[in-house]
PDB file of N, CA and C in Angstrom:
ATOM      1  N   MET A   1     106.396 -31.721-137.362  1.00  0.00           N
ATOM      2  CA  MET A   1     107.510 -30.836-136.843  1.00  0.00           C
ATOM      3  C   MET A   1     108.482 -30.496-137.893  1.00  0.00           C
ATOM      4  N   ASP A   2     108.752 -29.304-138.079  1.00  0.00           N
ATOM      5  CA  ASP A   2     109.756 -28.955-139.016  1.00  0.00           C
ATOM      6  C   ASP A   2     111.228 -29.240-138.621  1.00  0.00           C
ATOM      7  N   ILE A   3     112.141 -29.209-139.464  1.00  0.00           N
ATOM      8  CA  ILE A   3     113.474 -29.535-139.166  1.00  0.00           C
ATOM      9  C   ILE A   3     114.180 -28.746-138.211  1.00  0.00           C
ATOM     10  N   SER A   4     113.945 -27.495-138.099  1.00  0.00           N
ATOM     11  CA  SER A   4     114.607 -26.655-137.085  1.00  0.00           C
ATOM     12  C   SER A   4     113.971 -26.858-135.726  1.00  0.00           C
ATOM     13  N   LYS A   5     112.855 -27.245-135.535  1.00  0.00           N
ATOM     14  CA  LYS A   5     112.288 -27.547-134.254  1.00  0.00           C
ATOM     15  C   LYS A   5     112.881 -28.844-133.731  1.00  0.00           C
ATOM     16  N   GLU A   6     112.993 -29.777-134.840  1.00  0.00           N
ATOM     17  CA  GLU A   6     113.580 -31.104-134.306  1.00  0.00           C
ATOM     18  C   GLU A   6     114.961 -30.927-133.896  1.00  0.00           C
ATOM     19  N   ILE A   7     115.777 -30.083-134.645  1.00  0.00           N
ATOM     20  CA  ILE A   7     117.183 -29.860-134.299  1.00  0.00           C
ATOM     21  C   ILE A   7     117.138 -29.370-132.835  1.00  0.00           C
ATOM     22  N   PHE A   8     116.324 -28.221-132.669  1.00  0.00           N
ATOM     23  CA  PHE A   8     116.410 -27.407-131.362  1.00  0.00           C
ATOM     24  C   PHE A   8     116.072 -28.485-130.274  1.00  0.00           C
ATOM     25  N   MET A   9     115.038 -29.479-130.425  1.00  0.00           N
ATOM     26  CA  MET A   9     114.699 -30.286-129.443  1.00  0.00           C
ATOM     27  C   MET A   9     115.790 -31.278-129.177  1.00  0.00           C
ATOM     28  N   ARG A  10     116.411 -31.794-130.075  1.00  0.00           N
ATOM     29  CA  ARG A  10     117.594 -32.621-129.826  1.00  0.00           C
ATOM     30  C   ARG A  10     118.761 -31.969-129.125  1.00  0.00           C
ATOM     31  N   GLN A  11     119.000 -30.678-129.412  1.00  0.00           N
ATOM     32  CA  GLN A  11     120.025 -29.974-128.596  1.00  0.00           C
ATOM     33  C   GLN A  11     119.577 -29.832-127.238  1.00  0.00           C
ATOM     34  N   LEU A  12     118.314 -29.529-127.126  1.00  0.00           N
ATOM     35  CA  LEU A  12     117.921 -29.249-125.718  1.00  0.00           C
ATOM     36  C   LEU A  12     118.030 -30.438-124.805  1.00  0.00           C
ATOM     37  N   ILE A  13     117.632 -31.635-125.477  1.00  0.00           N
ATOM     38  CA  ILE A  13     117.834 -32.835-124.828  1.00  0.00           C
ATOM     39  C   ILE A  13     119.300 -33.163-124.428  1.00  0.00           C
ATOM     40  N   ILE A  14     120.184 -32.982-125.380  1.00  0.00           N
ATOM     41  CA  ILE A  14     121.602 -33.140-125.099  1.00  0.00           C
ATOM     42  C   ILE A  14     122.050 -32.256-124.084  1.00  0.00           C
ATOM     43  N   LEU A  15     121.644 -30.904-124.039  1.00  0.00           N
ATOM     44  CA  LEU A  15     122.039 -30.048-123.068  1.00  0.00           C
ATOM     45  C   LEU A  15     121.624 -30.474-121.588  1.00  0.00           C
ATOM     46  N   THR A  16     120.305 -30.806-121.582  1.00  0.00           N
ATOM     47  CA  THR A  16     119.758 -31.248-120.350  1.00  0.00           C
ATOM     48  C   THR A  16     120.652 -32.518-119.753  1.00  0.00           C
ATOM     49  N   SER A  17     120.934 -33.418-120.761  1.00  0.00           N
ATOM     50  CA  SER A  17     121.616 -34.598-120.165  1.00  0.00           C
ATOM     51  C   SER A  17     123.027 -34.296-119.775  1.00  0.00           C
ATOM     52  N   ILE A  18     123.685 -33.267-120.427  1.00  0.00           N
ATOM     53  CA  ILE A  18     125.071 -32.917-119.785  1.00  0.00           C
ATOM     54  C   ILE A  18     124.937 -32.232-118.477  1.00  0.00           C
ATOM     55  N   LEU A  19     123.834 -31.386-118.389  1.00  0.00           N
ATOM     56  CA  LEU A  19     123.775 -30.577-117.087  1.00  0.00           C
ATOM     57  C   LEU A  19     123.402 -31.565-115.969  1.00  0.00           C
ATOM     58  N   ALA A  20     122.665 -32.608-116.289  1.00  0.00           N
ATOM     59  CA  ALA A  20     122.258 -33.658-115.219  1.00  0.00           C
ATOM     60  C   ALA A  20     123.373 -34.328-114.761  1.00  0.00           C
ATOM     61  N   ALA A  21     124.381 -34.685-115.734  1.00  0.00           N
ATOM     62  CA  ALA A  21     125.551 -35.495-115.388  1.00  0.00           C
ATOM     63  C   ALA A  21     126.386 -34.698-114.637  1.00  0.00           C
ATOM     64  N   ALA A  22     126.588 -33.380-114.916  1.00  0.00           N
ATOM     65  CA  ALA A  22     127.510 -32.504-114.244  1.00  0.00           C
ATOM     66  C   ALA A  22     127.030 -32.235-112.863  1.00  0.00           C
ATOM     67  N   CYS A  23     125.723 -32.236-112.610  1.00  0.00           N
ATOM     68  CA  CYS A  23     125.302 -32.051-111.177  1.00  0.00           C
ATOM     69  C   CYS A  23     125.482 -33.279-110.543  1.00  0.00           C
ATOM     70  N   ALA A  24     125.302 -34.430-111.044  1.00  0.00           N
ATOM     71  CA  ALA A  24     125.485 -35.629-110.350  1.00  0.00           C
ATOM     72  C   ALA A  24     126.942 -35.905-110.099  1.00  0.00           C
ATOM     73  N   ALA A  25     127.814 -35.335-111.005  1.00  0.00           N
ATOM     74  CA  ALA A  25     129.187 -35.744-110.845  1.00  0.00           C
ATOM     75  C   ALA A  25     129.782 -35.120-109.539  1.00  0.00           C
ATOM     76  N   SER A  26     129.264 -34.135-109.144  1.00  0.00           N
ATOM     77  CA  SER A  26     129.849 -33.462-107.771  1.00  0.00           C
ATOM     78  C   SER A  26     129.476 -34.299-106.566  1.00  0.00           C
ATOM     79  N   ALA A  27     130.257 -35.356-106.295  1.00  0.00           N
ATOM     80  CA  ALA A  27     129.737 -36.254-105.337  1.00  0.00           C
ATOM     81  C   ALA A  27     130.587 -36.139-104.004  1.00  0.00           C
ATOM     82  N   TYR A  28     130.456 -34.952-103.533  1.00  0.00           N
ATOM     83  CA  TYR A  28     131.144 -34.652-102.326  1.00  0.00           C
ATOM     84  C   TYR A  28     130.233 -33.795-101.528  1.00  0.00           C
ATOM     85  N   ASP A  29     130.266 -33.792-100.175  1.00  0.00           N
ATOM     86  CA  ASP A  29     129.427 -32.897 -99.402  1.00  0.00           C
ATOM     87  C   ASP A  29     130.303 -32.027 -98.481  1.00  0.00           C
ATOM     88  N   ALA A  30     129.849 -30.955 -98.261  1.00  0.00           N
ATOM     89  CA  ALA A  30     130.559 -29.927 -97.349  1.00  0.00           C
ATOM     90  C   ALA A  30     130.574 -30.440 -95.885  1.00  0.00           C
ATOM     91  N   GLY A  31     131.640 -30.480 -95.230  1.00  0.00           N
ATOM     92  CA  GLY A  31     131.528 -30.897 -93.919  1.00  0.00           C
ATOM     93  C   GLY A  31     132.990 -31.342 -93.477  1.00  0.00           C
ATOM     94  N   THR A  32     133.015 -32.030 -92.248  1.00  0.00           N
ATOM     95  CA  THR A  32     134.245 -32.469 -91.763  1.00  0.00           C
ATOM     96  C   THR A  32     134.456 -33.926 -91.717  1.00  0.00           C
ATOM     97  N   TYR A  33     135.642 -34.395 -92.333  1.00  0.00           N
ATOM     98  CA  TYR A  33     135.888 -35.947 -92.234  1.00  0.00           C
ATOM     99  C   TYR A  33     137.102 -35.933 -91.301  1.00  0.00           C
ATOM    100  N   THR A  34     136.815 -36.972 -90.548  1.00  0.00           N
ATOM    101  CA  THR A  34     137.759 -37.221 -89.464  1.00  0.00           C
ATOM    102  C   THR A  34     138.192 -38.735 -89.657  1.00  0.00           C
ATOM    103  N   CYS A  35     139.685 -38.855 -89.795  1.00  0.00           N
ATOM    104  CA  CYS A  35     140.282 -40.017 -90.301  1.00  0.00           C
ATOM    105  C   CYS A  35     141.238 -40.502 -89.149  1.00  0.00           C
ATOM    106  N   PRO A  36     141.131 -41.733 -88.735  1.00  0.00           N
ATOM    107  CA  PRO A  36     142.023 -42.107 -87.538  1.00  0.00           C
ATOM    108  C   PRO A  36     143.419 -41.947 -88.041  1.00  0.00           C
ATOM    109  N   GLY A  37     144.338 -41.461 -87.044  1.00  0.00           N
ATOM    110  CA  GLY A  37     145.713 -41.375 -87.163  1.00  0.00           C
ATOM    111  C   GLY A  37     146.362 -42.774 -87.153  1.00  0.00           C
ATOM    112  N   ARG A  38     147.642 -42.922 -87.744  1.00  0.00           N
ATOM    113  CA  ARG A  38     148.253 -44.176 -87.671  1.00  0.00           C
ATOM    114  C   ARG A  38     148.961 -44.290 -86.454  1.00  0.00           C
ATOM    115  N   GLY A  39     148.927 -45.549 -85.772  1.00  0.00           N
ATOM    116  CA  GLY A  39     149.623 -45.766 -84.487  1.00  0.00           C
ATOM    117  C   GLY A  39     149.220 -44.784 -83.389  1.00  0.00           C
ATOM    118  N   HIS A  40     150.191 -44.018 -82.910  1.00  0.00           N
ATOM    119  CA  HIS A  40     149.770 -43.027 -81.719  1.00  0.00           C
ATOM    120  C   HIS A  40     149.470 -41.670 -82.214  1.00  0.00           C
ATOM    121  N   LEU A  41     149.484 -41.427 -83.540  1.00  0.00           N
ATOM    122  CA  LEU A  41     149.208 -40.175 -84.078  1.00  0.00           C
ATOM    123  C   LEU A  41     147.591 -39.804 -83.900  1.00  0.00           C
ATOM    124  N   PRO A  42     147.547 -38.424 -83.781  1.00  0.00           N
ATOM    125  CA  PRO A  42     146.100 -37.924 -83.634  1.00  0.00           C
ATOM    126  C   PRO A  42     145.302 -38.078 -84.980  1.00  0.00           C
ATOM    127  N   ALA A  43     144.120 -38.003 -84.951  1.00  0.00           N
ATOM    128  CA  ALA A  43     143.317 -38.096 -86.185  1.00  0.00           C
ATOM    129  C   ALA A  43     143.678 -36.914 -87.202  1.00  0.00           C
ATOM    130  N   ASN A  44     143.494 -37.329 -88.428  1.00  0.00           N
ATOM    131  CA  ASN A  44     143.647 -36.282 -89.432  1.00  0.00           C
ATOM    132  C   ASN A  44     142.216 -35.719 -89.737  1.00  0.00           C
ATOM    133  N   ILE A  45     142.188 -34.362 -89.780  1.00  0.00           N
ATOM    134  CA  ILE A  45     140.892 -33.670 -90.010  1.00  0.00           C
ATOM    135  C   ILE A  45     140.941 -32.919 -91.504  1.00  0.00           C
ATOM    136  N   TYR A  46     139.900 -33.325 -92.266  1.00  0.00           N
ATOM    137  CA  TYR A  46     139.670 -32.824 -93.521  1.00  0.00           C
ATOM    138  C   TYR A  46     138.416 -31.999 -93.495  1.00  0.00           C
ATOM    139  N   VAL A  47     138.508 -30.694 -93.682  1.00  0.00           N
ATOM    140  CA  VAL A  47     137.230 -29.872 -93.855  1.00  0.00           C
ATOM    141  C   VAL A  47     137.110 -29.382 -95.246  1.00  0.00           C
ATOM    142  N   VAL A  48     135.915 -29.673 -95.689  1.00  0.00           N
ATOM    143  CA  VAL A  48     135.592 -29.541 -97.126  1.00  0.00           C
ATOM    144  C   VAL A  48     134.394 -28.614 -97.188  1.00  0.00           C
ATOM    145  N   LYS A  49     134.688 -27.468 -97.901  1.00  0.00           N
ATOM    146  CA  LYS A  49     133.730 -26.476 -98.052  1.00  0.00           C
ATOM    147  C   LYS A  49     133.317 -26.274 -99.633  1.00  0.00           C
ATOM    148  N   LYS A  50     132.143 -25.753 -99.779  1.00  0.00           N
ATOM    149  CA  LYS A  50     131.754 -25.353-101.242  1.00  0.00           C
ATOM    150  C   LYS A  50     131.633 -23.893-101.187  1.00  0.00           C
ATOM    151  N   ILE A  51     132.469 -23.218-101.918  1.00  0.00           N
ATOM    152  CA  ILE A  51     132.526 -21.664-102.025  1.00  0.00           C
ATOM    153  C   ILE A  51     131.958 -21.422-103.393  1.00  0.00           C
ATOM    154  N   ALA A  52     131.068 -20.407-103.427  1.00  0.00           N
ATOM    155  CA  ALA A  52     130.634 -19.797-104.787  1.00  0.00           C
ATOM    156  C   ALA A  52     131.571 -18.662-105.159  1.00  0.00           C
ATOM    157  N   VAL A  53     132.077 -18.779-106.447  1.00  0.00           N
ATOM    158  CA  VAL A  53     132.936 -18.008-107.087  1.00  0.00           C
ATOM    159  C   VAL A  53     132.336 -17.749-108.566  1.00  0.00           C
ATOM    160  N   GLY A  54     131.981 -16.529-108.763  1.00  0.00           N
ATOM    161  CA  GLY A  54     131.595 -16.076-110.209  1.00  0.00           C
ATOM    162  C   GLY A  54     130.627 -17.026-110.714  1.00  0.00           C
ATOM    163  N   GLY A  55     129.496 -17.472-109.918  1.00  0.00           N
ATOM    164  CA  GLY A  55     128.458 -18.319-110.371  1.00  0.00           C
ATOM    165  C   GLY A  55     128.768 -19.765-110.392  1.00  0.00           C
ATOM    166  N   GLU A  56     130.089 -20.099-110.182  1.00  0.00           N
ATOM    167  CA  GLU A  56     130.371 -21.643-109.856  1.00  0.00           C
ATOM    168  C   GLU A  56     130.597 -21.918-108.486  1.00  0.00           C
ATOM    169  N   THR A  57     130.461 -23.270-108.116  1.00  0.00           N
ATOM    170  CA  THR A  57     130.623 -23.651-106.701  1.00  0.00           C
ATOM    171  C   THR A  57     131.995 -24.427-106.788  1.00  0.00           C
ATOM    172  N   LEU A  58     133.005 -23.988-106.163  1.00  0.00           N
ATOM    173  CA  LEU A  58     134.362 -24.655-106.038  1.00  0.00           C
ATOM    174  C   LEU A  58     134.631 -25.312-104.664  1.00  0.00           C
ATOM    175  N   PRO A  59     135.313 -26.445-104.782  1.00  0.00           N
ATOM    176  CA  PRO A  59     135.732 -27.085-103.351  1.00  0.00           C
ATOM    177  C   PRO A  59     136.845 -26.361-102.842  1.00  0.00           C
ATOM    178  N   TYR A  60     136.749 -26.123-101.499  1.00  0.00           N
ATOM    179  CA  TYR A  60     137.892 -25.416-100.700  1.00  0.00           C
ATOM    180  C   TYR A  60     138.174 -26.387 -99.567  1.00  0.00           C
ATOM    181  N   LEU A  61     139.355 -26.695 -99.328  1.00  0.00           N
ATOM    182  CA  LEU A  61     139.869 -27.792 -98.362  1.00  0.00           C
ATOM    183  C   LEU A  61     140.795 -27.052 -97.307  1.00  0.00           C
ATOM    184  N   GLU A  62     140.380 -27.581 -96.077  1.00  0.00           N
ATOM    185  CA  GLU A  62     141.389 -27.209 -94.962  1.00  0.00           C
ATOM    186  C   GLU A  62     141.734 -28.572 -94.397  1.00  0.00           C
ATOM    187  N   LEU A  63     142.997 -28.944 -94.576  1.00  0.00           N
ATOM    188  CA  LEU A  63     143.529 -30.224 -94.357  1.00  0.00           C
ATOM    189  C   LEU A  63     144.540 -30.247 -93.112  1.00  0.00           C
ATOM    190  N   THR A  64     144.184 -30.955 -91.998  1.00  0.00           N
ATOM    191  CA  THR A  64     145.201 -30.986 -90.920  1.00  0.00           C
ATOM    192  C   THR A  64     145.718 -32.407 -90.816  1.00  0.00           C
ATOM    193  N   ARG A  65     146.947 -32.605 -90.966  1.00  0.00           N
ATOM    194  CA  ARG A  65     147.560 -33.981 -90.988  1.00  0.00           C
ATOM    195  C   ARG A  65     148.655 -33.963 -90.008  1.00  0.00           C
ATOM    196  N   HIS A  66     148.763 -35.183 -89.371  1.00  0.00           N
ATOM    197  CA  HIS A  66     149.840 -35.423 -88.410  1.00  0.00           C
ATOM    198  C   HIS A  66     150.866 -36.431 -88.807  1.00  0.00           C
ATOM    199  N   PHE A  67     151.999 -36.268 -88.460  1.00  0.00           N
ATOM    200  CA  PHE A  67     153.215 -37.146 -88.880  1.00  0.00           C
ATOM    201  C   PHE A  67     154.255 -37.112 -87.849  1.00  0.00           C
ATOM    202  N   VAL A  68     155.066 -38.103 -87.836  1.00  0.00           N
ATOM    203  CA  VAL A  68     156.278 -38.208 -87.043  1.00  0.00           C
ATOM    204  C   VAL A  68     157.445 -37.426 -87.851  1.00  0.00           C
ATOM    205  N   GLY A  69     157.785 -36.410 -87.198  1.00  0.00           N
ATOM    206  CA  GLY A  69     159.015 -35.597 -87.980  1.00  0.00           C
ATOM    207  C   GLY A  69     160.243 -35.609 -87.282  1.00  0.00           C
ATOM    208  N   GLY A  70     161.237 -35.159 -87.958  1.00  0.00           N
ATOM    209  CA  GLY A  70     162.587 -35.022 -87.446  1.00  0.00           C
ATOM    210  C   GLY A  70     163.161 -36.465 -87.035  1.00  0.00           C
ATOM    211  N   GLY A  71     164.244 -36.361 -86.350  1.00  0.00           N
ATOM    212  CA  GLY A  71     164.874 -37.625 -85.930  1.00  0.00           C
ATOM    213  C   GLY A  71     164.518 -37.998 -84.537  1.00  0.00           C
ATOM    214  N   ASN A  72     163.681 -37.129 -83.787  1.00  0.00           N
ATOM    215  CA  ASN A  72     163.393 -37.290 -82.407  1.00  0.00           C
ATOM    216  C   ASN A  72     162.057 -37.964 -82.179  1.00  0.00           C
ATOM    217  N   GLY A  73     161.225 -38.220 -83.161  1.00  0.00           N
ATOM    218  CA  GLY A  73     160.008 -38.943 -83.062  1.00  0.00           C
ATOM    219  C   GLY A  73     158.930 -38.207 -82.623  1.00  0.00           C
ATOM    220  N   GLU A  74     159.085 -36.775 -82.618  1.00  0.00           N
ATOM    221  CA  GLU A  74     158.041 -35.893 -82.226  1.00  0.00           C
ATOM    222  C   GLU A  74     156.851 -35.742 -83.395  1.00  0.00           C
ATOM    223  N   VAL A  75     155.494 -35.607 -82.815  1.00  0.00           N
ATOM    224  CA  VAL A  75     154.462 -35.430 -83.781  1.00  0.00           C
ATOM    225  C   VAL A  75     154.445 -34.051 -84.288  1.00  0.00           C
ATOM    226  N   GLU A  76     154.493 -33.877 -85.585  1.00  0.00           N
ATOM    227  CA  GLU A  76     154.310 -32.590 -86.161  1.00  0.00           C
ATOM    228  C   GLU A  76     153.043 -32.436 -86.914  1.00  0.00           C
ATOM    229  N   THR A  77     152.462 -31.299 -87.124  1.00  0.00           N
ATOM    230  CA  THR A  77     151.278 -31.062 -87.703  1.00  0.00           C
ATOM    231  C   THR A  77     151.330 -30.110 -88.933  1.00  0.00           C
ATOM    232  N   ALA A  78     150.746 -30.551 -89.952  1.00  0.00           N
ATOM    233  CA  ALA A  78     150.723 -29.661 -91.215  1.00  0.00           C
ATOM    234  C   ALA A  78     149.332 -29.284 -91.398  1.00  0.00           C
ATOM    235  N   LEU A  79     149.200 -27.927 -91.810  1.00  0.00           N
ATOM    236  CA  LEU A  79     147.823 -27.468 -92.148  1.00  0.00           C
ATOM    237  C   LEU A  79     148.119 -26.926 -93.615  1.00  0.00           C
ATOM    238  N   MET A  80     147.066 -27.376 -94.449  1.00  0.00           N
ATOM    239  CA  MET A  80     147.008 -26.886 -95.893  1.00  0.00           C
ATOM    240  C   MET A  80     145.748 -26.379 -96.098  1.00  0.00           C
ATOM    241  N   ARG A  81     145.585 -25.284 -96.867  1.00  0.00           N
ATOM    242  CA  ARG A  81     144.308 -24.602 -97.094  1.00  0.00           C
ATOM    243  C   ARG A  81     144.504 -24.147 -98.588  1.00  0.00           C
ATOM    244  N   GLY A  82     143.178 -24.212 -99.241  1.00  0.00           N
ATOM    245  CA  GLY A  82     143.122 -23.687-100.505  1.00  0.00           C
ATOM    246  C   GLY A  82     142.144 -24.350-101.292  1.00  0.00           C
ATOM    247  N   PHE A  83     141.864 -23.754-102.569  1.00  0.00           N
ATOM    248  CA  PHE A  83     140.885 -24.295-103.476  1.00  0.00           C
ATOM    249  C   PHE A  83     141.426 -25.550-104.168  1.00  0.00           C
ATOM    250  N   ALA A  84     140.505 -26.562-104.251  1.00  0.00           N
ATOM    251  CA  ALA A  84     141.116 -27.939-104.645  1.00  0.00           C
ATOM    252  C   ALA A  84     140.574 -28.021-106.105  1.00  0.00           C
ATOM    253  N   ILE A  85     141.313 -29.001-106.771  1.00  0.00           N
ATOM    254  CA  ILE A  85     140.948 -29.489-108.117  1.00  0.00           C
ATOM    255  C   ILE A  85     140.118 -30.659-107.814  1.00  0.00           C
ATOM    256  N   GLU A  86     139.045 -30.585-108.588  1.00  0.00           N
ATOM    257  CA  GLU A  86     137.988 -31.671-108.460  1.00  0.00           C
ATOM    258  C   GLU A  86     137.938 -32.673-109.806  1.00  0.00           C
ATOM    259  N   SER A  87     138.058 -33.979-109.637  1.00  0.00           N
ATOM    260  CA  SER A  87     137.913 -34.691-110.801  1.00  0.00           C
ATOM    261  C   SER A  87     136.935 -35.627-110.448  1.00  0.00           C
ATOM    262  N   ASN A  88     136.218 -36.000-111.535  1.00  0.00           N
ATOM    263  CA  ASN A  88     135.185 -37.324-111.409  1.00  0.00           C
ATOM    264  C   ASN A  88     135.490 -38.285-112.357  1.00  0.00           C
ATOM    265  N   LEU A  89     135.500 -39.603-111.929  1.00  0.00           N
ATOM    266  CA  LEU A  89     135.737 -40.652-112.968  1.00  0.00           C
ATOM    267  C   LEU A  89     135.349 -41.816-112.204  1.00  0.00           C
ATOM    268  N   ARG A  90     134.477 -42.578-113.017  1.00  0.00           N
ATOM    269  CA  ARG A  90     133.820 -43.859-112.604  1.00  0.00           C
ATOM    270  C   ARG A  90     133.188 -43.822-111.323  1.00  0.00           C
ATOM    271  N   GLY A  91     132.417 -42.848-110.990  1.00  0.00           N
ATOM    272  CA  GLY A  91     131.624 -42.724-109.707  1.00  0.00           C
ATOM    273  C   GLY A  91     132.479 -42.228-108.619  1.00  0.00           C
ATOM    274  N   LYS A  92     133.709 -41.965-108.783  1.00  0.00           N
ATOM    275  CA  LYS A  92     134.518 -41.509-107.644  1.00  0.00           C
ATOM    276  C   LYS A  92     134.905 -40.051-107.938  1.00  0.00           C
ATOM    277  N   THR A  93     134.844 -39.193-106.849  1.00  0.00           N
ATOM    278  CA  THR A  93     135.164 -37.875-106.908  1.00  0.00           C
ATOM    279  C   THR A  93     136.604 -37.752-106.114  1.00  0.00           C
ATOM    280  N   THR A  94     137.540 -37.091-106.839  1.00  0.00           N
ATOM    281  CA  THR A  94     138.935 -36.775-106.183  1.00  0.00           C
ATOM    282  C   THR A  94     139.017 -35.350-106.102  1.00  0.00           C
ATOM    283  N   LEU A  95     139.289 -34.914-104.765  1.00  0.00           N
ATOM    284  CA  LEU A  95     139.694 -33.508-104.484  1.00  0.00           C
ATOM    285  C   LEU A  95     141.077 -33.423-104.080  1.00  0.00           C
ATOM    286  N   SER A  96     141.902 -32.582-104.870  1.00  0.00           N
ATOM    287  CA  SER A  96     143.307 -32.573-104.708  1.00  0.00           C
ATOM    288  C   SER A  96     143.783 -31.155-104.373  1.00  0.00           C
ATOM    289  N   ILE A  97     144.700 -31.118-103.344  1.00  0.00           N
ATOM    290  CA  ILE A  97     145.381 -29.837-103.063  1.00  0.00           C
ATOM    291  C   ILE A  97     146.774 -30.180-102.714  1.00  0.00           C
ATOM    292  N   ALA A  98     147.817 -29.385-103.039  1.00  0.00           N
ATOM    293  CA  ALA A  98     149.229 -29.648-102.962  1.00  0.00           C
ATOM    294  C   ALA A  98     149.443 -31.079-103.274  1.00  0.00           C
ATOM    295  N   SER A  99     150.042 -31.942-102.495  1.00  0.00           N
ATOM    296  CA  SER A  99     150.336 -33.346-102.809  1.00  0.00           C
ATOM    297  C   SER A  99     149.287 -34.292-102.187  1.00  0.00           C
ATOM    298  N   VAL A 100     148.316 -33.773-101.650  1.00  0.00           N
ATOM    299  CA  VAL A 100     147.205 -34.698-101.106  1.00  0.00           C
ATOM    300  C   VAL A 100     146.025 -34.794-101.847  1.00  0.00           C
ATOM    301  N   SER A 101     145.472 -36.005-102.095  1.00  0.00           N
ATOM    302  CA  SER A 101     144.288 -36.176-102.774  1.00  0.00           C
ATOM    303  C   SER A 101     143.275 -37.001-101.937  1.00  0.00           C
ATOM    304  N   LEU A 102     142.100 -36.535-101.795  1.00  0.00           N
ATOM    305  CA  LEU A 102     140.914 -37.258-101.221  1.00  0.00           C
ATOM    306  C   LEU A 102     140.067 -37.927-102.273  1.00  0.00           C
ATOM    307  N   GLU A 103     139.914 -39.156-102.059  1.00  0.00           N
ATOM    308  CA  GLU A 103     139.167 -40.007-103.028  1.00  0.00           C
ATOM    309  C   GLU A 103     137.838 -40.298-102.369  1.00  0.00           C
ATOM    310  N   LEU A 104     136.741 -39.665-102.819  1.00  0.00           N
ATOM    311  CA  LEU A 104     135.387 -39.963-102.246  1.00  0.00           C
ATOM    312  C   LEU A 104     134.519 -40.870-103.173  1.00  0.00           C
ATOM    313  N   GLU A 105     133.904 -41.939-102.618  1.00  0.00           N
ATOM    314  CA  GLU A 105     133.123 -42.631-103.351  1.00  0.00           C
ATOM    315  C   GLU A 105     131.603 -42.640-102.609  1.00  0.00           C
ATOM    316  N   ALA A 106     130.555 -42.106-103.413  1.00  0.00           N
ATOM    317  CA  ALA A 106     129.303 -42.024-102.882  1.00  0.00           C
ATOM    318  C   ALA A 106     129.380 -41.006-101.749  1.00  0.00           C
ATOM    319  N   GLY A 107     130.095 -40.100-101.717  1.00  0.00           N
ATOM    320  CA  GLY A 107     130.267 -38.917-100.752  1.00  0.00           C
ATOM    321  C   GLY A 107     130.940 -39.343 -99.464  1.00  0.00           C
ATOM    322  N   SER A 108     131.619 -40.503 -99.562  1.00  0.00           N
ATOM    323  CA  SER A 108     132.238 -41.040 -98.366  1.00  0.00           C
ATOM    324  C   SER A 108     133.824 -41.052 -98.518  1.00  0.00           C
ATOM    325  N   LEU A 109     134.453 -40.774 -97.450  1.00  0.00           N
ATOM    326  CA  LEU A 109     136.023 -41.068 -97.565  1.00  0.00           C
ATOM    327  C   LEU A 109     136.334 -42.301 -96.781  1.00  0.00           C
ATOM    328  N   LYS A 110     136.754 -43.283 -97.364  1.00  0.00           N
ATOM    329  CA  LYS A 110     136.984 -44.680 -96.890  1.00  0.00           C
ATOM    330  C   LYS A 110     137.754 -44.496 -95.558  1.00  0.00           C
ATOM    331  N   GLY A 111     137.100 -45.058 -94.502  1.00  0.00           N
ATOM    332  CA  GLY A 111     137.700 -45.246 -93.150  1.00  0.00           C
ATOM    333  C   GLY A 111     137.570 -44.118 -92.167  1.00  0.00           C
ATOM    334  N   CYS A 112     136.868 -42.926 -92.648  1.00  0.00           N
ATOM    335  CA  CYS A 112     136.621 -41.825 -91.979  1.00  0.00           C
ATOM    336  C   CYS A 112     135.188 -41.511 -91.654  1.00  0.00           C
ATOM    337  N   SER A 113     134.942 -40.841 -90.575  1.00  0.00           N
ATOM    338  CA  SER A 113     133.688 -40.341 -90.081  1.00  0.00           C
ATOM    339  C   SER A 113     133.414 -39.050 -90.791  1.00  0.00           C
ATOM    340  N   PHE A 114     132.093 -38.740 -90.812  1.00  0.00           N
ATOM    341  CA  PHE A 114     131.807 -37.360 -91.414  1.00  0.00           C
ATOM    342  C   PHE A 114     130.652 -36.627 -90.560  1.00  0.00           C
ATOM    343  N   LEU A 115     130.910 -35.403 -90.554  1.00  0.00           N
ATOM    344  CA  LEU A 115     130.065 -34.402 -89.837  1.00  0.00           C
ATOM    345  C   LEU A 115     129.601 -33.299 -90.960  1.00  0.00           C
ATOM    346  N   PRO A 116     128.400 -33.370 -91.260  1.00  0.00           N
ATOM    347  CA  PRO A 116     127.976 -32.317 -92.350  1.00  0.00           C
ATOM    348  C   PRO A 116     128.304 -30.913 -91.873  1.00  0.00           C
ATOM    349  N   ALA A 117     128.473 -29.964 -92.782  1.00  0.00           N
ATOM    350  CA  ALA A 117     128.544 -28.652 -92.442  1.00  0.00           C
ATOM    351  C   ALA A 117     127.162 -28.112 -92.206  1.00  0.00           C
ATOM    352  N   GLU A 118     127.079 -27.026 -91.372  1.00  0.00           N
ATOM    353  CA  GLU A 118     125.612 -26.497 -90.897  1.00  0.00           C
ATOM    354  C   GLU A 118     125.331 -25.718 -92.139  1.00  0.00           C
ATOM    355  N   ARG A 119     123.983 -25.858 -92.472  1.00  0.00           N
ATOM    356  CA  ARG A 119     123.460 -25.150 -93.584  1.00  0.00           C
ATOM    357  C   ARG A 119     123.129 -23.676 -93.182  1.00  0.00           C
ATOM    358  N   LYS A 120     123.380 -22.672 -93.930  1.00  0.00           N
ATOM    359  CA  LYS A 120     122.978 -21.397 -93.544  1.00  0.00           C
ATOM    360  C   LYS A 120     121.700 -20.847 -94.150  1.00  0.00           C
TER     361      LYS A 120
END
């Protein structure tokens, strides 16, 4: 094998390894994560979608969180929607939007149930 073919083969192997790592790094599934509320609060609902934009697949979140607001102890609900920032480190995927971060390990959100999105 001449030197140019050998260089090409090495580059191909490196590129294949990078692509395989990138595909494996996206460790979240589209669907609905339901997490128990604290005390008397309703469950928090986190909907994770995968949306194709310009040939890339981006995480999109719809988060419904409940908390005790004001001085009267009433339950308030916050709804956040938008594309998330995805980071992958040491086998964990973190999806962040606004001041909320969801940390997933092996596709699971600790303490929450999961209902997969319907495939089209």
